[in-house]
Amino acid sequence: MKELACSSGQSKNEADSAWYCLYSRRKQEHVAAARVRLLGSIPVFCPRIRFRRQTKGGATVMVTEAMFPGYFFARFSLGEMLPQVRSAHGVSSIVRFGDWYPVIDDDVIEQLRDKTGGDAVAELLPGFAPGDWVRLTEGPLSGLEAVITQVLPGKERVRVLLEFLGRETVTEARTDQVIPCDFEATLSRFVTVPVPALV
């Protein structure tokens, strides 16, 4: 029987069940994961996050996206289920390097589950601290950048300092009315476990 290397460097028999990383069509991760699950009660993990995003028009909306766009995880026997999993609706392929299908350690999946609260959608609301640069997203000052001078957690508000009409002004805003100026960097810091590139 063919032996496949696992992520720890040891050999792994292809009949053993293990976690693998699957590549799906973009924005179809949850659909592909549901189809794979139906193949025989295969455990799948498709972590998603919900966060604020500013639209081109300047409004802020809550969006839900895959934590790893284009990827999800499934636990199955490579020797028994590879053809069925690979041909499931929405699955593009399985991450592999030549003939080697890397195994995702159980610990990695558990750490991700802990961060996202299981299979539920994790809400990513960036924490704010004095000194953070933010952009106002609502009201007459929408679009202006400001620096947070004080966080008022009980009120879910922040006090900010901004330049308006040639002078420095202090005002307050709700935390859902501001986004970090470097929000993409904040999002990338939340995702700390790298996923191997598809080869």
Protein backbone atom coordinates (compact mmCIF):
# COMPACT_ATOMS: atom_id res chain seq x y z
CA MET A 1 0.00 0.00 0.00
CA LYS A 2 1.33 3.45 -0.90
CA GLU A 3 2.74 5.53 1.94
CA LEU A 4 2.13 9.26 2.11
CA ALA A 5 4.22 11.71 4.13
CA CYS A 6 2.37 13.68 6.78
CA SER A 7 3.14 17.15 8.12
CA SER A 8 5.26 15.77 10.99
CA GLY A 9 7.64 14.09 8.54
CA GLN A 10 6.50 10.58 9.47
CA SER A 11 4.90 8.27 6.95
CA LYS A 12 1.14 7.90 7.03
CA ASN A 13 -0.88 5.05 5.59
CA GLU A 14 -3.39 6.28 3.02
CA ALA A 15 -6.22 4.34 4.71
CA ASP A 16 -5.91 6.50 7.84
CA SER A 17 -8.28 9.42 8.31
CA ALA A 18 -6.62 12.83 8.58
CA TRP A 19 -7.29 16.54 8.01
CA TYR A 20 -6.50 17.85 4.52
CA CYS A 21 -6.71 21.30 3.03
CA LEU A 22 -9.07 21.60 0.05
CA TYR A 23 -9.17 24.34 -2.54
CA SER A 24 -12.60 25.62 -3.54
CA ARG A 25 -13.99 28.16 -5.92
CA ARG A 26 -13.70 31.66 -4.45
CA LYS A 27 -16.67 32.60 -2.24
CA GLN A 28 -17.96 29.00 -2.52
CA GLU A 29 -16.04 27.60 0.46
CA HIS A 30 -19.12 26.92 2.61
CA VAL A 31 -21.00 25.36 -0.33
CA ALA A 32 -18.09 23.04 -1.18
CA ALA A 33 -17.69 22.13 2.51
CA ALA A 34 -21.39 21.20 2.77
CA ARG A 35 -21.12 18.98 -0.33
CA VAL A 36 -18.06 17.19 1.04
CA ARG A 37 -19.82 16.67 4.39
CA LEU A 38 -22.65 14.90 2.55
CA LEU A 39 -20.30 12.32 1.05
CA GLY A 40 -20.46 10.23 4.19
CA SER A 41 -20.58 12.38 7.29
CA ILE A 42 -17.07 13.68 6.61
CA PRO A 43 -16.02 16.23 9.25
CA VAL A 44 -15.34 19.59 7.63
CA PHE A 45 -14.12 22.88 9.01
CA CYS A 46 -14.72 26.07 7.07
CA PRO A 47 -14.02 28.96 9.45
CA ARG A 48 -15.66 32.27 8.58
CA ILE A 49 -15.33 35.73 10.04
CA ARG A 50 -17.72 38.67 10.16
CA PHE A 51 -16.27 42.15 10.15
CA ARG A 52 -16.92 45.75 9.17
CA ARG A 53 -15.89 46.93 5.73
CA GLN A 54 -16.15 50.38 4.25
CA THR A 55 -17.87 50.51 0.86
CA LYS A 56 -16.76 52.69 -2.04
CA GLY A 57 -19.59 55.05 -1.15
CA GLY A 58 -18.17 55.51 2.34
CA ALA A 59 -20.79 53.51 4.25
CA THR A 60 -19.75 50.76 6.65
CA VAL A 61 -21.36 47.35 6.30
CA MET A 62 -20.89 44.02 8.07
CA VAL A 63 -19.61 41.31 5.74
CA THR A 64 -19.01 37.59 6.24
CA GLU A 65 -16.14 35.92 4.45
CA ALA A 66 -14.05 32.78 4.70
CA MET A 67 -11.11 33.16 7.06
CA PHE A 68 -9.00 31.50 4.37
CA PRO A 69 -10.49 32.62 1.04
CA GLY A 70 -10.62 29.68 -1.34
CA TYR A 71 -9.71 27.04 1.26
CA PHE A 72 -11.41 24.78 3.78
CA PHE A 73 -10.49 21.64 5.71
CA ALA A 74 -11.90 18.11 5.68
CA ARG A 75 -11.01 14.93 7.59
CA PHE A 76 -11.21 11.78 5.50
CA SER A 77 -9.31 8.70 4.38
CA LEU A 78 -7.24 9.67 1.38
CA GLY A 79 -7.13 6.08 0.08
CA GLU A 80 -10.90 5.58 0.29
CA MET A 81 -12.37 9.00 -0.43
CA LEU A 82 -9.95 10.98 -2.60
CA PRO A 83 -11.86 10.60 -5.93
CA GLN A 84 -15.24 11.44 -4.36
CA VAL A 85 -13.92 14.42 -2.42
CA ARG A 86 -12.00 15.78 -5.40
CA SER A 87 -15.11 15.62 -7.61
CA ALA A 88 -17.55 17.10 -5.04
CA HIS A 89 -19.43 20.16 -6.24
CA GLY A 90 -17.46 23.33 -5.48
CA VAL A 91 -14.14 21.57 -4.84
CA SER A 92 -11.41 22.63 -7.25
CA SER A 93 -8.68 20.36 -5.92
CA ILE A 94 -6.81 19.25 -2.82
CA VAL A 95 -3.66 21.05 -1.73
CA ARG A 96 -0.74 18.83 -2.69
CA PHE A 97 2.90 18.98 -3.64
CA GLY A 98 3.43 16.51 -6.47
CA ASP A 99 2.15 13.19 -5.10
CA TRP A 100 2.32 14.36 -1.49
CA TYR A 101 -0.87 15.52 0.26
CA PRO A 102 0.18 17.41 3.40
CA VAL A 103 -1.74 16.53 6.54
CA ILE A 104 -3.00 19.34 8.78
CA ASP A 105 -2.25 18.53 12.42
CA ASP A 106 -5.24 18.09 14.72
CA ASP A 107 -3.73 20.76 17.00
CA VAL A 108 -3.88 23.35 14.22
CA ILE A 109 -7.58 22.64 13.61
CA GLU A 110 -8.28 22.81 17.35
CA GLN A 111 -6.48 26.16 17.65
CA LEU A 112 -8.57 27.52 14.78
CA ARG A 113 -11.75 26.18 16.38
CA ASP A 114 -10.82 27.91 19.63
CA LYS A 115 -10.30 31.22 17.82
CA THR A 116 -13.56 31.03 15.92
CA GLY A 117 -15.74 29.41 18.58
CA GLY A 118 -16.16 26.13 16.70
CA ASP A 119 -17.95 26.12 13.36
CA ALA A 120 -19.79 29.36 14.12
CA VAL A 121 -18.95 32.61 12.39
CA ALA A 122 -16.43 34.55 14.47
CA GLU A 123 -17.08 38.26 14.71
CA LEU A 124 -13.96 40.31 14.25
CA LEU A 125 -14.44 43.69 15.84
CA PRO A 126 -11.05 45.34 16.14
CA GLY A 127 -10.13 46.59 19.58
CA PHE A 128 -9.14 50.21 19.87
CA ALA A 129 -6.48 51.84 22.00
CA PRO A 130 -5.31 55.43 22.51
CA GLY A 131 -2.97 56.38 19.70
CA ASP A 132 -4.72 54.29 17.04
CA TRP A 133 -5.45 56.05 13.77
CA VAL A 134 -9.03 55.54 12.58
CA ARG A 135 -11.32 56.73 9.81
CA LEU A 136 -14.80 58.02 10.64
CA THR A 137 -17.43 56.23 8.55
CA GLU A 138 -20.69 58.01 9.44
CA GLY A 139 -22.00 61.49 10.07
CA PRO A 140 -20.83 64.91 8.84
CA LEU A 141 -17.16 64.03 9.51
CA SER A 142 -17.31 60.78 7.51
CA GLY A 143 -14.07 60.05 5.67
CA LEU A 144 -11.84 62.08 7.98
CA GLU A 145 -8.96 60.41 9.77
CA ALA A 146 -8.45 60.90 13.50
CA VAL A 147 -6.36 59.61 16.37
CA ILE A 148 -8.04 57.99 19.37
CA THR A 149 -7.29 59.84 22.60
CA GLN A 150 -9.53 57.82 24.93
CA VAL A 151 -11.55 54.60 24.83
CA LEU A 152 -14.88 54.65 26.68
CA PRO A 153 -15.64 50.91 26.84
CA GLY A 154 -18.76 51.13 28.96
CA LYS A 155 -20.38 53.37 26.37
CA GLU A 156 -18.80 51.60 23.37
CA ARG A 157 -17.48 54.96 22.29
CA VAL A 158 -14.11 56.52 21.57
CA ARG A 159 -12.90 60.08 21.93
CA VAL A 160 -10.89 61.20 18.91
CA LEU A 161 -8.74 64.13 17.92
CA LEU A 162 -8.96 65.30 14.32
CA GLU A 163 -8.15 68.30 12.19
CA PHE A 164 -11.28 70.04 10.92
CA LEU A 165 -11.48 73.42 9.20
CA GLY A 166 -7.83 74.13 9.95
CA ARG A 167 -7.93 73.44 13.67
CA GLU A 168 -7.72 70.44 16.00
CA THR A 169 -11.07 69.25 17.31
CA VAL A 170 -11.97 66.64 19.92
CA THR A 171 -15.19 64.66 19.41
CA GLU A 172 -16.73 61.34 20.35
CA ALA A 173 -17.93 58.53 18.08
CA ARG A 174 -19.46 55.10 18.54
CA THR A 175 -17.01 52.24 17.96
CA ASP A 176 -19.16 51.05 15.04
CA GLN A 177 -18.66 54.45 13.37
CA VAL A 178 -14.88 54.12 13.04
CA ILE A 179 -12.57 51.67 11.34
CA PRO A 180 -8.79 51.34 11.66
CA CYS A 181 -6.91 53.10 8.87
CA ASP A 182 -4.97 49.85 8.39
CA PHE A 183 -7.94 47.47 8.69
CA GLU A 184 -6.51 44.96 6.20
CA ALA A 185 -3.40 44.67 8.37
CA THR A 186 -5.62 44.12 11.42
CA LEU A 187 -7.43 41.33 9.59
CA SER A 188 -4.20 39.65 8.53
CA ARG A 189 -2.94 39.68 12.14
CA PHE A 190 -6.06 37.79 13.22
CA VAL A 191 -5.25 34.95 10.82
CA THR A 192 -1.99 33.58 12.22
CA VAL A 193 -1.94 30.04 10.84
CA PRO A 194 -0.56 29.95 7.28
CA VAL A 195 -2.13 27.74 4.66
CA PRO A 196 0.24 26.19 2.10
CA ALA A 197 -0.06 27.48 -1.43
CA LEU A 198 -1.58 25.21 -4.03
CA VAL A 199 1.04 23.69 -6.32
